[in-house]
């Protein structure tokens, strides 16, 4: 039986595992253990004050170019990833952890 075609995201992850590192079409980036205050939960006591949440992000990013210089402008800046997570967590109250995920 033939396997269904992979989505672009899954193809990137699959190629990531099978190619030698210098030829990989994707790079795996991650931020693990980021602890932030978050207004989250459905119970009254959870609505009264922010709770600490621990967040991990794993990204498969297509390689658009190989960096030629040792500068942050040529790569994805982890500060931008963290800022995006902070923005999401800092918005209005979130009822469910599943919604945050």
C-alpha atoms as a PDB file:
ATOM      1  CA  UNK A   1       0.000   0.000   0.000  1.00  0.00           C
ATOM      2  CA  UNK A   2       1.350   3.388  -1.002  1.00  0.00           C
ATOM      3  CA  UNK A   3       1.930   6.016   1.689  1.00  0.00           C
ATOM      4  CA  UNK A   4      -0.018   9.275   1.358  1.00  0.00           C
ATOM      5  CA  UNK A   5       2.086  12.262   0.309  1.00  0.00           C
ATOM      6  CA  UNK A   6       3.682  14.205   3.148  1.00  0.00           C
ATOM      7  CA  UNK A   7       2.668  17.767   3.869  1.00  0.00           C
ATOM      8  CA  UNK A   8       5.355  20.404   3.317  1.00  0.00           C
ATOM      9  CA  UNK A   9       5.996  20.556   7.068  1.00  0.00           C
ATOM     10  CA  UNK A  10       6.268  16.795   7.469  1.00  0.00           C
ATOM     11  CA  UNK A  11       8.449  16.499   4.377  1.00  0.00           C
ATOM     12  CA  UNK A  12      10.827  19.025   5.902  1.00  0.00           C
ATOM     13  CA  UNK A  13      10.981  17.037   9.153  1.00  0.00           C
ATOM     14  CA  UNK A  14      11.462  13.747   7.277  1.00  0.00           C
ATOM     15  CA  UNK A  15      14.282  15.162   5.149  1.00  0.00           C
ATOM     16  CA  UNK A  16      15.840  16.612   8.288  1.00  0.00           C
ATOM     17  CA  UNK A  17      16.289  13.114   9.684  1.00  0.00           C
ATOM     18  CA  UNK A  18      17.578  11.485   6.501  1.00  0.00           C
ATOM     19  CA  UNK A  19      20.089  13.990   5.096  1.00  0.00           C
ATOM     20  CA  UNK A  20      23.651  14.654   6.282  1.00  0.00           C
ATOM     21  CA  UNK A  21      23.749  17.908   8.257  1.00  0.00           C
ATOM     22  CA  UNK A  22      25.489  19.987   5.573  1.00  0.00           C
ATOM     23  CA  UNK A  23      22.781  19.134   2.994  1.00  0.00           C
ATOM     24  CA  UNK A  24      19.682  19.284   5.156  1.00  0.00           C
ATOM     25  CA  UNK A  25      16.890  21.390   3.670  1.00  0.00           C
ATOM     26  CA  UNK A  26      15.718  22.315   7.171  1.00  0.00           C
ATOM     27  CA  UNK A  27      17.173  23.381  10.450  1.00  0.00           C
ATOM     28  CA  UNK A  28      15.702  22.347  13.762  1.00  0.00           C
ATOM     29  CA  UNK A  29      15.450  25.219  16.213  1.00  0.00           C
ATOM     30  CA  UNK A  30      14.203  24.927  19.740  1.00  0.00           C
ATOM     31  CA  UNK A  31      13.579  26.898  22.885  1.00  0.00           C
ATOM     32  CA  UNK A  32      13.000  24.633  25.876  1.00  0.00           C
ATOM     33  CA  UNK A  33      11.940  25.441  29.418  1.00  0.00           C
ATOM     34  CA  UNK A  34      10.857  29.050  28.910  1.00  0.00           C
ATOM     35  CA  UNK A  35       8.961  30.022  32.085  1.00  0.00           C
ATOM     36  CA  UNK A  36       6.485  32.897  31.770  1.00  0.00           C
ATOM     37  CA  UNK A  37       3.572  34.307  33.750  1.00  0.00           C
ATOM     38  CA  UNK A  38       0.289  33.515  32.037  1.00  0.00           C
ATOM     39  CA  UNK A  39      -3.351  34.285  32.750  1.00  0.00           C
ATOM     40  CA  UNK A  40      -4.682  30.777  32.220  1.00  0.00           C
ATOM     41  CA  UNK A  41      -7.316  28.457  33.658  1.00  0.00           C
ATOM     42  CA  UNK A  42     -11.061  28.005  33.982  1.00  0.00           C
ATOM     43  CA  UNK A  43     -11.381  28.113  37.773  1.00  0.00           C
ATOM     44  CA  UNK A  44     -11.968  31.296  39.736  1.00  0.00           C
ATOM     45  CA  UNK A  45      -8.685  30.995  41.671  1.00  0.00           C
ATOM     46  CA  UNK A  46      -6.845  30.629  38.345  1.00  0.00           C
ATOM     47  CA  UNK A  47      -8.375  33.867  37.076  1.00  0.00           C
ATOM     48  CA  UNK A  48      -7.240  35.902  40.090  1.00  0.00           C
ATOM     49  CA  UNK A  49      -3.519  35.928  39.302  1.00  0.00           C
ATOM     50  CA  UNK A  50      -1.144  34.852  36.549  1.00  0.00           C
ATOM     51  CA  UNK A  51       0.349  31.375  36.812  1.00  0.00           C
ATOM     52  CA  UNK A  52       3.801  30.284  35.775  1.00  0.00           C
ATOM     53  CA  UNK A  53       3.817  28.148  32.656  1.00  0.00           C
ATOM     54  CA  UNK A  54       6.785  26.315  31.164  1.00  0.00           C
ATOM     55  CA  UNK A  55       6.834  26.406  27.373  1.00  0.00           C
ATOM     56  CA  UNK A  56       8.938  24.530  24.854  1.00  0.00           C
ATOM     57  CA  UNK A  57       8.979  25.314  21.138  1.00  0.00           C
ATOM     58  CA  UNK A  58      10.435  23.070  18.425  1.00  0.00           C
ATOM     59  CA  UNK A  59      10.607  24.393  14.874  1.00  0.00           C
ATOM     60  CA  UNK A  60      11.666  22.829  11.594  1.00  0.00           C
ATOM     61  CA  UNK A  61      12.734  25.765   9.443  1.00  0.00           C
ATOM     62  CA  UNK A  62      13.535  25.510   5.752  1.00  0.00           C
ATOM     63  CA  UNK A  63      17.061  26.578   4.920  1.00  0.00           C
ATOM     64  CA  UNK A  64      16.700  29.501   2.600  1.00  0.00           C
ATOM     65  CA  UNK A  65      20.392  30.336   2.545  1.00  0.00           C
ATOM     66  CA  UNK A  66      23.534  29.120   4.233  1.00  0.00           C
ATOM     67  CA  UNK A  67      24.963  31.851   6.475  1.00  0.00           C
ATOM     68  CA  UNK A  68      28.162  33.277   5.000  1.00  0.00           C
ATOM     69  CA  UNK A  69      29.044  35.511   7.921  1.00  0.00           C
ATOM     70  CA  UNK A  70      28.886  35.135  11.665  1.00  0.00           C
ATOM     71  CA  UNK A  71      26.061  37.662  12.047  1.00  0.00           C
ATOM     72  CA  UNK A  72      22.584  37.445  13.536  1.00  0.00           C
ATOM     73  CA  UNK A  73      21.106  39.016  10.399  1.00  0.00           C
ATOM     74  CA  UNK A  74      21.789  35.815   8.450  1.00  0.00           C
ATOM     75  CA  UNK A  75      19.940  33.430  10.742  1.00  0.00           C
ATOM     76  CA  UNK A  76      16.705  33.170  12.678  1.00  0.00           C
ATOM     77  CA  UNK A  77      17.080  35.104  15.907  1.00  0.00           C
ATOM     78  CA  UNK A  78      15.982  33.140  18.966  1.00  0.00           C
ATOM     79  CA  UNK A  79      15.003  36.443  20.601  1.00  0.00           C
ATOM     80  CA  UNK A  80      12.304  36.795  17.930  1.00  0.00           C
ATOM     81  CA  UNK A  81      10.949  33.331  18.749  1.00  0.00           C
ATOM     82  CA  UNK A  82      10.858  34.127  22.471  1.00  0.00           C
ATOM     83  CA  UNK A  83       9.244  37.525  21.794  1.00  0.00           C
ATOM     84  CA  UNK A  84       6.514  35.807  19.759  1.00  0.00           C
ATOM     85  CA  UNK A  85       5.800  33.365  22.582  1.00  0.00           C
ATOM     86  CA  UNK A  86       5.741  36.226  25.115  1.00  0.00           C
ATOM     87  CA  UNK A  87       3.266  38.081  22.900  1.00  0.00           C
ATOM     88  CA  UNK A  88       0.908  35.100  22.698  1.00  0.00           C
ATOM     89  CA  UNK A  89       1.116  34.375  26.436  1.00  0.00           C
ATOM     90  CA  UNK A  90       0.701  38.053  27.327  1.00  0.00           C
ATOM     91  CA  UNK A  91      -2.604  38.502  25.518  1.00  0.00           C
ATOM     92  CA  UNK A  92      -6.016  38.096  27.119  1.00  0.00           C
ATOM     93  CA  UNK A  93      -6.877  35.356  29.588  1.00  0.00           C
ATOM     94  CA  UNK A  94      -6.627  31.832  28.142  1.00  0.00           C
ATOM     95  CA  UNK A  95      -9.120  29.301  29.454  1.00  0.00           C
ATOM     96  CA  UNK A  96      -7.502  26.049  28.338  1.00  0.00           C
ATOM     97  CA  UNK A  97      -3.907  24.866  28.211  1.00  0.00           C
ATOM     98  CA  UNK A  98      -4.896  23.125  24.980  1.00  0.00           C
ATOM     99  CA  UNK A  99      -5.732  26.510  23.450  1.00  0.00           C
ATOM    100  CA  UNK A 100      -2.285  27.815  24.359  1.00  0.00           C
ATOM    101  CA  UNK A 101      -0.590  24.738  22.897  1.00  0.00           C
END
